[in-house]
Amino acid sequence: MTDPNRDNSPDQLSIIVHSGFFDEIHYALVMASAARAVGRKVTLFFTMKGCLALTKPGPDNVPGWAQLPLGTGTETALEREARFQQSGLGTFAELLEACQQLGVKFMVCELGLAAENLTADDLADDITIITGGVVTFINDASKTGAMLFI
């Protein structure tokens, strides 16, 4: 069955990931993977604290995103991740992988990196990440697309 509203829906989803909270970035990945799964182009633009989600694992091999605080509750990111996995929900790691496999574009803001005292060398090696600025992100967006701020 075809969706009668499909012609009126945005052709691209551009998400600004400003938040540094695990649960909010997790949901940005949910939206990105879902939009890509139904054929929309998607760009995730990480800036400020959001950049921390894409950093390399530390010496303990714990991913950068696992260090993120939650916006609500008392769980750690790894405890929430384990609960999601036990409940059959998409985990942060699974959604990150799905976004990559589906062709979601990952961009990281140069200003955001600098604000967090990070460089491109601090970013995960297993994700294709474009480093750019706001102009790069805006030029990537579609005039008939949707832009979200998380």
N, C-alpha and C. Protein backbone atom coordinates (compact mmCIF):
# COMPACT_ATOMS: atom_id res chain seq x y z
N MET A 1 0.84 -1.18 0.00
CA MET A 1 0.00 0.00 0.00
C MET A 1 0.89 1.24 0.00
N THR A 2 0.59 2.17 -0.84
CA THR A 2 1.38 3.41 -0.90
C THR A 2 0.83 4.43 0.09
N ASP A 3 1.74 5.19 0.61
CA ASP A 3 1.39 6.24 1.57
C ASP A 3 1.00 7.49 0.79
N PRO A 4 -0.26 7.97 0.92
CA PRO A 4 -0.69 9.15 0.17
C PRO A 4 0.04 10.42 0.58
N ASN A 5 0.64 10.43 1.78
CA ASN A 5 1.35 11.61 2.25
C ASN A 5 2.82 11.62 1.87
N ARG A 6 3.29 10.53 1.27
CA ARG A 6 4.72 10.41 0.95
C ARG A 6 5.21 11.56 0.07
N ASP A 7 4.41 12.00 -0.89
CA ASP A 7 4.84 13.08 -1.77
C ASP A 7 4.99 14.40 -1.04
N ASN A 8 4.33 14.54 0.11
CA ASN A 8 4.42 15.77 0.89
C ASN A 8 5.47 15.69 2.00
N SER A 9 6.08 14.54 2.16
CA SER A 9 7.05 14.39 3.25
C SER A 9 8.43 14.85 2.78
N PRO A 10 9.29 15.20 3.73
CA PRO A 10 10.62 15.71 3.36
C PRO A 10 11.45 14.64 2.65
N ASP A 11 12.28 15.10 1.72
CA ASP A 11 13.13 14.17 0.97
C ASP A 11 14.43 13.88 1.71
N GLN A 12 14.75 14.70 2.72
CA GLN A 12 15.98 14.51 3.48
C GLN A 12 15.74 14.94 4.92
N LEU A 13 16.42 14.23 5.83
CA LEU A 13 16.36 14.58 7.24
C LEU A 13 17.75 15.00 7.68
N SER A 14 17.89 16.21 8.17
CA SER A 14 19.15 16.75 8.65
C SER A 14 19.00 16.98 10.15
N ILE A 15 19.79 16.25 10.94
CA ILE A 15 19.65 16.31 12.40
C ILE A 15 20.90 16.92 13.01
N ILE A 16 20.71 18.00 13.76
CA ILE A 16 21.79 18.62 14.51
C ILE A 16 21.81 17.96 15.88
N VAL A 17 22.89 17.25 16.18
CA VAL A 17 23.03 16.55 17.47
C VAL A 17 23.91 17.41 18.37
N HIS A 18 23.27 18.26 19.14
CA HIS A 18 23.94 19.19 20.04
C HIS A 18 24.01 18.62 21.46
N SER A 19 23.04 17.81 21.80
CA SER A 19 22.94 17.25 23.14
C SER A 19 24.12 16.33 23.44
N GLY A 20 24.49 16.28 24.69
CA GLY A 20 25.53 15.35 25.14
C GLY A 20 24.95 14.24 25.99
N PHE A 21 23.63 14.02 25.90
CA PHE A 21 22.98 12.98 26.69
C PHE A 21 22.77 11.72 25.87
N PHE A 22 23.14 10.59 26.45
CA PHE A 22 23.04 9.30 25.80
C PHE A 22 21.66 9.05 25.20
N ASP A 23 20.60 9.24 26.03
CA ASP A 23 19.25 8.91 25.58
C ASP A 23 18.78 9.81 24.43
N GLU A 24 19.18 11.04 24.42
CA GLU A 24 18.78 11.94 23.33
C GLU A 24 19.52 11.61 22.04
N ILE A 25 20.80 11.29 22.14
CA ILE A 25 21.56 10.91 20.94
C ILE A 25 21.08 9.55 20.44
N HIS A 26 20.76 8.66 21.37
CA HIS A 26 20.20 7.35 20.99
C HIS A 26 18.97 7.55 20.12
N TYR A 27 18.09 8.47 20.53
CA TYR A 27 16.87 8.68 19.75
C TYR A 27 17.16 9.36 18.41
N ALA A 28 18.18 10.18 18.34
CA ALA A 28 18.58 10.74 17.05
C ALA A 28 18.99 9.62 16.10
N LEU A 29 19.68 8.60 16.63
CA LEU A 29 20.06 7.45 15.82
C LEU A 29 18.84 6.64 15.40
N VAL A 30 17.85 6.53 16.29
CA VAL A 30 16.59 5.85 15.95
C VAL A 30 15.93 6.55 14.76
N MET A 31 15.80 7.87 14.86
CA MET A 31 15.16 8.63 13.78
C MET A 31 15.95 8.55 12.48
N ALA A 32 17.28 8.65 12.58
CA ALA A 32 18.13 8.61 11.39
C ALA A 32 18.01 7.27 10.68
N SER A 33 18.09 6.18 11.44
CA SER A 33 18.03 4.85 10.82
C SER A 33 16.64 4.59 10.24
N ALA A 34 15.59 5.03 10.90
CA ALA A 34 14.23 4.84 10.38
C ALA A 34 14.03 5.65 9.10
N ALA A 35 14.46 6.89 9.11
CA ALA A 35 14.30 7.73 7.91
C ALA A 35 15.08 7.14 6.74
N ARG A 36 16.27 6.65 7.00
CA ARG A 36 17.08 6.07 5.93
C ARG A 36 16.46 4.77 5.44
N ALA A 37 15.88 4.00 6.36
CA ALA A 37 15.26 2.72 5.99
C ALA A 37 14.07 2.91 5.05
N VAL A 38 13.42 4.07 5.13
CA VAL A 38 12.29 4.34 4.23
C VAL A 38 12.71 5.20 3.04
N GLY A 39 14.01 5.29 2.82
CA GLY A 39 14.50 5.91 1.60
C GLY A 39 14.86 7.38 1.65
N ARG A 40 14.84 7.98 2.83
CA ARG A 40 15.23 9.38 2.92
C ARG A 40 16.75 9.50 3.06
N LYS A 41 17.31 10.55 2.50
CA LYS A 41 18.71 10.87 2.78
C LYS A 41 18.75 11.41 4.20
N VAL A 42 19.83 11.11 4.90
CA VAL A 42 19.95 11.55 6.29
C VAL A 42 21.37 12.02 6.56
N THR A 43 21.48 13.16 7.24
CA THR A 43 22.76 13.65 7.74
C THR A 43 22.62 13.92 9.23
N LEU A 44 23.55 13.36 9.99
CA LEU A 44 23.67 13.65 11.42
C LEU A 44 24.84 14.61 11.58
N PHE A 45 24.59 15.78 12.15
CA PHE A 45 25.61 16.80 12.35
C PHE A 45 25.87 16.94 13.84
N PHE A 46 26.98 16.38 14.30
CA PHE A 46 27.32 16.39 15.71
C PHE A 46 28.11 17.65 16.05
N THR A 47 27.69 18.33 17.11
CA THR A 47 28.37 19.54 17.55
C THR A 47 28.36 19.62 19.06
N MET A 48 29.23 20.43 19.61
CA MET A 48 29.38 20.64 21.05
C MET A 48 29.46 19.29 21.77
N LYS A 49 28.72 19.10 22.86
CA LYS A 49 28.78 17.84 23.63
C LYS A 49 28.38 16.63 22.79
N GLY A 50 27.60 16.84 21.76
CA GLY A 50 27.22 15.74 20.88
C GLY A 50 28.41 15.06 20.23
N CYS A 51 29.50 15.81 20.03
CA CYS A 51 30.72 15.25 19.43
C CYS A 51 31.28 14.09 20.25
N LEU A 52 31.05 14.13 21.55
CA LEU A 52 31.59 13.10 22.44
C LEU A 52 31.06 11.71 22.09
N ALA A 53 29.90 11.64 21.46
CA ALA A 53 29.31 10.35 21.09
C ALA A 53 30.12 9.62 20.03
N LEU A 54 30.96 10.34 19.32
CA LEU A 54 31.72 9.74 18.22
C LEU A 54 33.21 9.60 18.52
N THR A 55 33.58 9.75 19.79
CA THR A 55 35.00 9.65 20.12
C THR A 55 35.44 8.19 20.21
N LYS A 56 36.76 8.01 20.06
CA LYS A 56 37.37 6.68 20.12
C LYS A 56 37.16 6.07 21.50
N PRO A 57 37.21 4.73 21.55
CA PRO A 57 37.21 4.09 22.88
C PRO A 57 38.43 4.52 23.68
N GLY A 58 38.26 4.52 24.98
CA GLY A 58 39.36 4.86 25.87
C GLY A 58 40.30 3.68 26.05
N PRO A 59 41.29 3.82 26.93
CA PRO A 59 42.25 2.75 27.18
C PRO A 59 41.58 1.46 27.67
N ASP A 60 40.41 1.61 28.31
CA ASP A 60 39.66 0.45 28.80
C ASP A 60 38.79 -0.17 27.71
N ASN A 61 38.91 0.35 26.47
CA ASN A 61 38.17 -0.11 25.30
C ASN A 61 36.66 0.16 25.39
N VAL A 62 36.26 1.05 26.28
CA VAL A 62 34.86 1.45 26.38
C VAL A 62 34.62 2.56 25.36
N PRO A 63 33.58 2.41 24.50
CA PRO A 63 33.32 3.43 23.47
C PRO A 63 33.07 4.81 24.09
N GLY A 64 33.39 5.84 23.33
CA GLY A 64 33.17 7.20 23.80
C GLY A 64 31.73 7.46 24.20
N TRP A 65 30.77 6.95 23.42
CA TRP A 65 29.36 7.19 23.72
C TRP A 65 28.95 6.59 25.07
N ALA A 66 29.66 5.55 25.52
CA ALA A 66 29.32 4.89 26.78
C ALA A 66 29.64 5.76 27.98
N GLN A 67 30.40 6.82 27.77
CA GLN A 67 30.75 7.75 28.84
C GLN A 67 29.70 8.86 28.99
N LEU A 68 28.75 8.92 28.07
CA LEU A 68 27.76 9.99 28.09
C LEU A 68 26.79 9.83 29.26
N PRO A 69 26.40 10.92 29.89
CA PRO A 69 25.38 10.83 30.93
C PRO A 69 23.99 10.68 30.30
N LEU A 70 23.06 10.21 31.10
CA LEU A 70 21.67 10.15 30.67
C LEU A 70 20.97 11.46 31.03
N GLY A 71 19.98 11.82 30.25
CA GLY A 71 19.22 13.04 30.53
C GLY A 71 18.32 12.88 31.74
N THR A 72 17.87 11.66 31.97
CA THR A 72 17.01 11.38 33.13
C THR A 72 17.40 10.03 33.71
N GLY A 73 17.06 9.81 34.95
CA GLY A 73 17.32 8.53 35.58
C GLY A 73 18.70 8.45 36.21
N THR A 74 18.96 7.31 36.83
CA THR A 74 20.21 7.14 37.55
C THR A 74 21.12 6.09 36.91
N GLU A 75 20.66 5.47 35.83
CA GLU A 75 21.48 4.47 35.15
C GLU A 75 22.68 5.12 34.46
N THR A 76 23.69 4.32 34.21
CA THR A 76 24.78 4.76 33.35
C THR A 76 24.39 4.40 31.92
N ALA A 77 25.14 4.92 30.97
CA ALA A 77 24.87 4.60 29.56
C ALA A 77 25.00 3.10 29.31
N LEU A 78 25.99 2.47 29.92
CA LEU A 78 26.17 1.02 29.72
C LEU A 78 25.04 0.22 30.37
N GLU A 79 24.53 0.67 31.50
CA GLU A 79 23.39 0.00 32.13
C GLU A 79 22.14 0.14 31.25
N ARG A 80 21.93 1.34 30.71
CA ARG A 80 20.78 1.55 29.82
C ARG A 80 20.93 0.69 28.56
N GLU A 81 22.14 0.64 28.02
CA GLU A 81 22.43 -0.17 26.84
C GLU A 81 22.10 -1.63 27.10
N ALA A 82 22.50 -2.15 28.26
CA ALA A 82 22.22 -3.55 28.62
C ALA A 82 20.71 -3.77 28.77
N ARG A 83 20.02 -2.82 29.36
CA ARG A 83 18.56 -2.94 29.52
C ARG A 83 17.87 -2.93 28.16
N PHE A 84 18.31 -2.06 27.25
CA PHE A 84 17.75 -2.04 25.90
C PHE A 84 17.96 -3.38 25.22
N GLN A 85 19.15 -3.93 25.35
CA GLN A 85 19.46 -5.20 24.71
C GLN A 85 18.58 -6.31 25.28
N GLN A 86 18.42 -6.35 26.60
CA GLN A 86 17.57 -7.36 27.24
C GLN A 86 16.11 -7.23 26.82
N SER A 87 15.69 -6.01 26.54
CA SER A 87 14.30 -5.74 26.15
C SER A 87 14.06 -5.90 24.65
N GLY A 88 15.13 -6.18 23.91
CA GLY A 88 14.99 -6.33 22.46
C GLY A 88 14.91 -5.00 21.72
N LEU A 89 15.31 -3.93 22.39
CA LEU A 89 15.31 -2.61 21.75
C LEU A 89 16.65 -2.38 21.07
N GLY A 90 16.66 -1.56 20.06
CA GLY A 90 17.90 -1.24 19.38
C GLY A 90 18.85 -0.52 20.33
N THR A 91 20.04 -1.06 20.47
CA THR A 91 21.03 -0.43 21.35
C THR A 91 21.74 0.70 20.61
N PHE A 92 22.45 1.50 21.35
CA PHE A 92 23.23 2.59 20.76
C PHE A 92 24.20 2.02 19.73
N ALA A 93 24.92 0.97 20.14
CA ALA A 93 25.91 0.35 19.24
C ALA A 93 25.25 -0.20 17.98
N GLU A 94 24.11 -0.87 18.13
CA GLU A 94 23.40 -1.43 16.97
C GLU A 94 22.89 -0.32 16.04
N LEU A 95 22.35 0.74 16.63
CA LEU A 95 21.84 1.84 15.82
C LEU A 95 22.96 2.58 15.10
N LEU A 96 24.07 2.74 15.77
CA LEU A 96 25.23 3.38 15.14
C LEU A 96 25.68 2.55 13.93
N GLU A 97 25.75 1.25 14.11
CA GLU A 97 26.13 0.35 13.01
C GLU A 97 25.08 0.37 11.89
N ALA A 98 23.81 0.35 12.26
CA ALA A 98 22.73 0.37 11.26
C ALA A 98 22.80 1.66 10.44
N CYS A 99 23.02 2.78 11.10
CA CYS A 99 23.13 4.06 10.38
C CYS A 99 24.27 4.01 9.38
N GLN A 100 25.38 3.45 9.79
CA GLN A 100 26.52 3.35 8.87
C GLN A 100 26.18 2.46 7.68
N GLN A 101 25.60 1.30 7.95
CA GLN A 101 25.28 0.36 6.88
C GLN A 101 24.21 0.91 5.93
N LEU A 102 23.30 1.71 6.47
CA LEU A 102 22.23 2.29 5.65
C LEU A 102 22.68 3.52 4.86
N GLY A 103 23.86 4.02 5.14
CA GLY A 103 24.38 5.17 4.40
C GLY A 103 24.05 6.52 4.98
N VAL A 104 23.76 6.58 6.28
CA VAL A 104 23.57 7.87 6.94
C VAL A 104 24.90 8.61 6.90
N LYS A 105 24.85 9.89 6.60
CA LYS A 105 26.06 10.71 6.55
C LYS A 105 26.34 11.26 7.95
N PHE A 106 27.56 11.06 8.43
CA PHE A 106 27.99 11.57 9.73
C PHE A 106 28.89 12.77 9.49
N MET A 107 28.53 13.91 10.08
CA MET A 107 29.35 15.12 10.03
C MET A 107 29.64 15.56 11.46
N VAL A 108 30.83 16.10 11.65
CA VAL A 108 31.19 16.65 12.95
C VAL A 108 31.62 18.10 12.74
N CYS A 109 31.09 18.95 13.58
CA CYS A 109 31.34 20.39 13.50
C CYS A 109 32.74 20.73 14.04
N GLU A 110 33.49 21.44 13.23
CA GLU A 110 34.83 21.87 13.66
C GLU A 110 34.76 22.74 14.91
N LEU A 111 33.79 23.64 14.97
CA LEU A 111 33.61 24.50 16.14
C LEU A 111 33.27 23.65 17.36
N GLY A 112 32.39 22.67 17.19
CA GLY A 112 32.02 21.79 18.29
C GLY A 112 33.20 21.00 18.81
N LEU A 113 34.03 20.51 17.90
CA LEU A 113 35.24 19.80 18.32
C LEU A 113 36.13 20.71 19.16
N ALA A 114 36.38 21.91 18.65
CA ALA A 114 37.24 22.86 19.35
C ALA A 114 36.65 23.22 20.72
N ALA A 115 35.35 23.38 20.79
CA ALA A 115 34.70 23.74 22.06
C ALA A 115 34.85 22.63 23.10
N GLU A 116 34.98 21.39 22.65
CA GLU A 116 35.15 20.26 23.55
C GLU A 116 36.60 19.83 23.68
N ASN A 117 37.52 20.65 23.16
CA ASN A 117 38.96 20.34 23.20
C ASN A 117 39.28 19.01 22.52
N LEU A 118 38.62 18.76 21.40
CA LEU A 118 38.83 17.55 20.62
C LEU A 118 39.38 17.91 19.25
N THR A 119 39.99 16.93 18.60
CA THR A 119 40.41 17.07 17.21
C THR A 119 39.84 15.89 16.44
N ALA A 120 39.98 15.92 15.14
CA ALA A 120 39.50 14.82 14.30
C ALA A 120 40.20 13.51 14.68
N ASP A 121 41.41 13.58 15.21
CA ASP A 121 42.13 12.38 15.64
C ASP A 121 41.47 11.70 16.84
N ASP A 122 40.62 12.42 17.57
CA ASP A 122 39.93 11.85 18.73
C ASP A 122 38.68 11.07 18.33
N LEU A 123 38.29 11.17 17.06
CA LEU A 123 37.05 10.53 16.61
C LEU A 123 37.27 9.06 16.27
N ALA A 124 36.21 8.29 16.41
CA ALA A 124 36.24 6.85 16.15
C ALA A 124 36.74 6.57 14.73
N ASP A 125 37.56 5.55 14.61
CA ASP A 125 38.12 5.17 13.32
C ASP A 125 37.18 4.29 12.50
N ASP A 126 36.19 3.69 13.14
CA ASP A 126 35.33 2.74 12.45
C ASP A 126 34.06 3.39 11.85
N ILE A 127 34.01 4.71 11.88
CA ILE A 127 32.88 5.45 11.31
C ILE A 127 33.44 6.45 10.30
N THR A 128 32.82 6.51 9.13
CA THR A 128 33.22 7.53 8.16
C THR A 128 32.59 8.84 8.60
N ILE A 129 33.44 9.79 8.96
CA ILE A 129 32.97 11.07 9.50
C ILE A 129 33.55 12.21 8.67
N ILE A 130 32.68 13.10 8.24
CA ILE A 130 33.09 14.31 7.53
C ILE A 130 33.24 15.41 8.57
N THR A 131 34.38 16.07 8.58
CA THR A 131 34.58 17.21 9.47
C THR A 131 34.33 18.48 8.67
N GLY A 132 33.50 19.33 9.20
CA GLY A 132 33.17 20.57 8.50
C GLY A 132 32.54 21.55 9.45
N GLY A 133 31.98 22.58 8.89
CA GLY A 133 31.34 23.60 9.70
C GLY A 133 29.86 23.71 9.39
N VAL A 134 29.28 24.73 9.94
CA VAL A 134 27.85 24.97 9.75
C VAL A 134 27.53 25.17 8.27
N VAL A 135 28.41 25.86 7.56
CA VAL A 135 28.17 26.09 6.12
C VAL A 135 28.14 24.75 5.37
N THR A 136 29.06 23.85 5.72
CA THR A 136 29.08 22.52 5.10
C THR A 136 27.76 21.80 5.35
N PHE A 137 27.28 21.87 6.60
CA PHE A 137 26.02 21.23 6.96
C PHE A 137 24.85 21.85 6.21
N ILE A 138 24.78 23.17 6.19
CA ILE A 138 23.67 23.85 5.51
C ILE A 138 23.68 23.55 4.02
N ASN A 139 24.87 23.52 3.42
CA ASN A 139 24.96 23.19 1.99
C ASN A 139 24.55 21.75 1.71
N ASP A 140 24.68 20.88 2.69
CA ASP A 140 24.28 19.48 2.55
C ASP A 140 22.77 19.31 2.66
N ALA A 141 22.11 20.20 3.38
CA ALA A 141 20.67 20.08 3.63
C ALA A 141 19.87 20.32 2.34
N SER A 142 18.68 19.78 2.33
CA SER A 142 17.79 19.92 1.18
C SER A 142 16.77 21.03 1.45
N LYS A 143 16.47 21.81 0.41
CA LYS A 143 15.47 22.86 0.60
C LYS A 143 14.07 22.27 0.79
N THR A 144 13.89 21.00 0.44
CA THR A 144 12.60 20.35 0.67
C THR A 144 12.72 19.29 1.76
N GLY A 145 13.75 19.41 2.58
CA GLY A 145 13.97 18.46 3.67
C GLY A 145 13.52 19.03 5.00
N ALA A 146 13.75 18.23 6.03
CA ALA A 146 13.42 18.64 7.40
C ALA A 146 14.71 18.72 8.20
N MET A 147 14.75 19.69 9.13
CA MET A 147 15.91 19.85 9.99
C MET A 147 15.45 19.79 11.44
N LEU A 148 16.13 18.95 12.21
CA LEU A 148 15.79 18.79 13.62
C LEU A 148 16.99 19.15 14.47
N PHE A 149 16.72 19.66 15.66
CA PHE A 149 17.78 20.03 16.62
C PHE A 149 17.57 19.20 17.87
N ILE A 150 18.59 18.40 18.21
CA ILE A 150 18.49 17.55 19.41
C ILE A 150 19.64 17.93 20.33
